[in-house]
Structure formats: C-alpha cells, structure tokens
Amino acid sequence: MPIYEYLCDECDTRFEKIVINKHQEIACPKCASKKAAIQLSVFATTGNGNGASAKSSTSNSGGGGSCCGGGCGCH
C-alpha cells in the first residue's frame, strides 16, 4: 500500500496517508478539509550507511556501489 503526501488547500498542513484504494477520500488531520493536493514524495536515497551519498560511494575505488554500498548482501 503506498503512502502519499498531501498539502491541505485550506490550512497548508502537510500530512501523509496510506491509500488502500484510489477512490478513498482523504481529509486534513488539522482542519478536516477534503481539499488537498498530492505532493511529490521525497524518499530515502541510496548510500553506503555512513552518511555519504551514493555518488560518493560509487566514486570510491572498489566501493561496491549499488543501493547500500554492497555491504548488505542484496547484490
């Protein structure tokens, strides 16, 4: 089930909602308005676990790259 981020058109509150089906009504948790715009979600980026970005982990010699720097065994 996807989690969507919304911005209320009435009070500018940002909130998240798990959407079970696409016809589900959403309401702002602060003002109960049903007028909200879906936002572009920002989600976790790839990295090597030490706070470095994926770009810097792949630029290191022998860094392993991939989604987690290669240390978790997912590749």
N, C-alpha and C. Protein backbone atom coordinates (compact mmCIF):
# COMPACT_ATOMS: atom_id res chain seq x y z
N MET A 1 0.84 -1.18 0.00
CA MET A 1 0.00 0.00 0.00
C MET A 1 0.89 1.24 0.00
N PRO A 2 0.68 2.11 -0.93
CA PRO A 2 1.51 3.31 -1.00
C PRO A 2 1.12 4.35 0.06
N ILE A 3 2.12 5.11 0.49
CA ILE A 3 1.89 6.24 1.36
C ILE A 3 2.03 7.48 0.51
N TYR A 4 1.01 8.31 0.51
CA TYR A 4 1.03 9.55 -0.26
C TYR A 4 1.17 10.73 0.68
N GLU A 5 1.82 11.77 0.21
CA GLU A 5 1.95 13.02 0.95
C GLU A 5 1.00 14.04 0.33
N TYR A 6 0.34 14.80 1.19
CA TYR A 6 -0.63 15.79 0.75
C TYR A 6 -0.32 17.14 1.37
N LEU A 7 -0.81 18.19 0.72
CA LEU A 7 -0.77 19.55 1.25
C LEU A 7 -2.21 20.06 1.23
N CYS A 8 -2.72 20.41 2.41
CA CYS A 8 -4.10 20.88 2.53
C CYS A 8 -4.23 22.24 1.85
N ASP A 9 -5.25 22.37 1.01
CA ASP A 9 -5.51 23.64 0.31
C ASP A 9 -6.06 24.71 1.25
N GLU A 10 -6.65 24.30 2.35
CA GLU A 10 -7.28 25.24 3.28
C GLU A 10 -6.30 25.80 4.32
N CYS A 11 -5.50 24.93 4.97
CA CYS A 11 -4.65 25.40 6.08
C CYS A 11 -3.16 25.17 5.86
N ASP A 12 -2.78 24.70 4.68
CA ASP A 12 -1.37 24.46 4.32
C ASP A 12 -0.66 23.42 5.19
N THR A 13 -1.40 22.53 5.82
CA THR A 13 -0.81 21.45 6.60
C THR A 13 -0.34 20.35 5.67
N ARG A 14 0.86 19.85 5.91
CA ARG A 14 1.37 18.70 5.16
C ARG A 14 1.08 17.45 5.99
N PHE A 15 0.59 16.41 5.32
CA PHE A 15 0.31 15.16 6.01
C PHE A 15 0.46 13.99 5.07
N GLU A 16 0.60 12.80 5.65
CA GLU A 16 0.75 11.56 4.89
C GLU A 16 -0.47 10.70 5.11
N LYS A 17 -0.77 9.88 4.13
CA LYS A 17 -1.92 8.99 4.23
C LYS A 17 -1.61 7.69 3.50
N ILE A 18 -1.87 6.56 4.15
CA ILE A 18 -1.77 5.27 3.48
C ILE A 18 -3.04 5.12 2.65
N VAL A 19 -2.88 4.86 1.37
CA VAL A 19 -4.02 4.78 0.47
C VAL A 19 -4.28 3.32 0.10
N ILE A 20 -5.43 2.83 0.54
CA ILE A 20 -5.79 1.44 0.29
C ILE A 20 -6.36 1.28 -1.11
N ASN A 21 -7.20 2.21 -1.53
CA ASN A 21 -7.67 2.20 -2.92
C ASN A 21 -7.72 3.63 -3.42
N LYS A 22 -7.66 3.80 -4.72
CA LYS A 22 -7.52 5.14 -5.29
C LYS A 22 -8.77 6.00 -5.16
N HIS A 23 -9.89 5.42 -4.75
CA HIS A 23 -11.12 6.18 -4.58
C HIS A 23 -11.35 6.59 -3.12
N GLN A 24 -10.39 6.27 -2.26
CA GLN A 24 -10.50 6.60 -0.84
C GLN A 24 -10.46 8.11 -0.63
N GLU A 25 -11.38 8.63 0.18
CA GLU A 25 -11.38 10.06 0.48
C GLU A 25 -10.30 10.36 1.51
N ILE A 26 -9.67 11.50 1.36
CA ILE A 26 -8.68 11.94 2.33
C ILE A 26 -9.19 13.21 2.98
N ALA A 27 -8.77 13.44 4.20
CA ALA A 27 -9.15 14.65 4.91
C ALA A 27 -7.95 15.13 5.73
N CYS A 28 -7.80 16.43 5.80
CA CYS A 28 -6.71 17.03 6.56
C CYS A 28 -6.90 16.71 8.05
N PRO A 29 -5.85 16.25 8.72
CA PRO A 29 -5.98 15.94 10.14
C PRO A 29 -6.13 17.18 11.03
N LYS A 30 -5.78 18.34 10.50
CA LYS A 30 -5.87 19.57 11.30
C LYS A 30 -7.23 20.25 11.16
N CYS A 31 -7.70 20.43 9.91
CA CYS A 31 -8.93 21.20 9.70
C CYS A 31 -10.07 20.37 9.11
N ALA A 32 -9.82 19.11 8.78
CA ALA A 32 -10.80 18.18 8.23
C ALA A 32 -11.24 18.52 6.80
N SER A 33 -10.55 19.44 6.15
CA SER A 33 -10.88 19.77 4.77
C SER A 33 -10.57 18.58 3.87
N LYS A 34 -11.38 18.40 2.86
CA LYS A 34 -11.16 17.33 1.89
C LYS A 34 -10.49 17.85 0.64
N LYS A 35 -10.02 19.10 0.69
CA LYS A 35 -9.32 19.71 -0.43
C LYS A 35 -7.82 19.68 -0.15
N ALA A 36 -7.14 18.76 -0.81
CA ALA A 36 -5.70 18.62 -0.61
C ALA A 36 -5.06 18.23 -1.93
N ALA A 37 -3.86 18.70 -2.13
CA ALA A 37 -3.10 18.38 -3.33
C ALA A 37 -2.04 17.35 -3.00
N ILE A 38 -1.93 16.34 -3.83
CA ILE A 38 -0.89 15.34 -3.63
C ILE A 38 0.46 15.96 -3.96
N GLN A 39 1.46 15.62 -3.16
CA GLN A 39 2.79 16.19 -3.30
C GLN A 39 3.76 15.15 -3.84
N LEU A 40 4.81 15.62 -4.44
CA LEU A 40 5.88 14.74 -4.87
C LEU A 40 6.64 14.30 -3.64
N SER A 41 6.69 13.01 -3.39
CA SER A 41 7.34 12.49 -2.19
C SER A 41 8.84 12.49 -2.34
N VAL A 42 9.50 12.79 -1.24
CA VAL A 42 10.94 12.67 -1.15
C VAL A 42 11.20 11.44 -0.30
N PHE A 43 11.92 10.49 -0.84
CA PHE A 43 12.14 9.25 -0.12
C PHE A 43 13.63 9.03 0.07
N ALA A 44 13.97 8.05 0.84
CA ALA A 44 15.36 7.75 1.16
C ALA A 44 16.17 7.52 -0.11
N THR A 45 17.34 8.10 -0.14
CA THR A 45 18.22 7.90 -1.28
C THR A 45 19.22 6.80 -0.97
N THR A 46 19.92 6.39 -1.99
CA THR A 46 20.91 5.34 -1.78
C THR A 46 22.14 5.90 -1.11
N GLY A 47 22.84 5.06 -0.41
CA GLY A 47 24.06 5.47 0.27
C GLY A 47 24.79 4.26 0.80
N ASN A 48 25.89 4.50 1.47
CA ASN A 48 26.68 3.39 1.97
C ASN A 48 26.57 3.22 3.48
N GLY A 49 25.64 3.92 4.12
CA GLY A 49 25.41 3.73 5.53
C GLY A 49 26.19 4.65 6.44
N ASN A 50 27.10 5.45 5.90
CA ASN A 50 27.87 6.34 6.77
C ASN A 50 27.56 7.80 6.51
N GLY A 51 26.44 8.07 5.88
CA GLY A 51 26.03 9.44 5.61
C GLY A 51 26.52 9.98 4.28
N ALA A 52 27.34 9.25 3.58
CA ALA A 52 27.83 9.67 2.27
C ALA A 52 26.78 9.37 1.23
N SER A 53 26.71 10.18 0.21
CA SER A 53 25.73 9.95 -0.85
C SER A 53 26.16 8.78 -1.73
N ALA A 54 25.21 8.30 -2.51
CA ALA A 54 25.50 7.20 -3.43
C ALA A 54 26.57 7.60 -4.43
N LYS A 55 26.56 8.86 -4.84
CA LYS A 55 27.55 9.32 -5.80
C LYS A 55 28.95 9.19 -5.23
N SER A 56 29.13 9.58 -3.97
CA SER A 56 30.46 9.49 -3.39
C SER A 56 30.85 8.06 -3.11
N SER A 57 29.87 7.17 -2.79
CA SER A 57 30.22 5.78 -2.52
C SER A 57 30.62 5.06 -3.80
N THR A 58 30.07 5.45 -4.93
CA THR A 58 30.43 4.77 -6.17
C THR A 58 31.69 5.36 -6.76
N SER A 59 32.09 6.56 -6.32
CA SER A 59 33.30 7.15 -6.86
C SER A 59 34.54 6.66 -6.13
N ASN A 60 34.35 6.00 -4.98
CA ASN A 60 35.50 5.44 -4.27
C ASN A 60 36.00 4.22 -5.02
N SER A 61 37.29 4.00 -5.00
CA SER A 61 37.81 2.82 -5.69
C SER A 61 37.39 1.57 -4.94
N GLY A 62 36.79 0.62 -5.66
CA GLY A 62 36.35 -0.63 -5.05
C GLY A 62 35.18 -0.47 -4.11
N GLY A 63 34.39 0.59 -4.25
CA GLY A 63 33.32 0.88 -3.32
C GLY A 63 32.14 -0.06 -3.38
N GLY A 64 32.01 -0.87 -4.39
CA GLY A 64 30.90 -1.80 -4.46
C GLY A 64 29.64 -1.20 -5.03
N GLY A 65 29.40 0.08 -4.78
CA GLY A 65 28.24 0.78 -5.35
C GLY A 65 26.93 0.19 -4.91
N SER A 66 25.99 0.15 -5.76
CA SER A 66 24.62 -0.36 -5.59
C SER A 66 23.86 0.41 -4.54
N CYS A 67 22.74 -0.12 -4.12
CA CYS A 67 21.82 0.63 -3.27
C CYS A 67 22.35 0.90 -1.87
N CYS A 68 23.23 0.07 -1.37
CA CYS A 68 23.65 0.23 0.02
C CYS A 68 25.17 0.20 0.17
N GLY A 69 25.88 0.32 -0.90
CA GLY A 69 27.33 0.26 -0.83
C GLY A 69 27.86 -1.16 -0.96
N GLY A 70 26.97 -2.13 -1.11
CA GLY A 70 27.39 -3.51 -1.33
C GLY A 70 27.62 -4.31 -0.07
N GLY A 71 27.41 -3.73 1.12
CA GLY A 71 27.71 -4.44 2.35
C GLY A 71 26.58 -5.31 2.90
N CYS A 72 25.38 -5.22 2.38
CA CYS A 72 24.26 -5.95 2.97
C CYS A 72 24.01 -7.30 2.30
N GLY A 73 24.64 -7.57 1.21
CA GLY A 73 24.45 -8.83 0.53
C GLY A 73 23.25 -8.86 -0.39
N CYS A 74 22.65 -7.69 -0.67
CA CYS A 74 21.49 -7.67 -1.53
C CYS A 74 21.86 -7.80 -3.00
N HIS A 75 23.10 -7.78 -3.33
CA HIS A 75 23.51 -7.88 -4.73
C HIS A 75 24.51 -8.98 -4.92
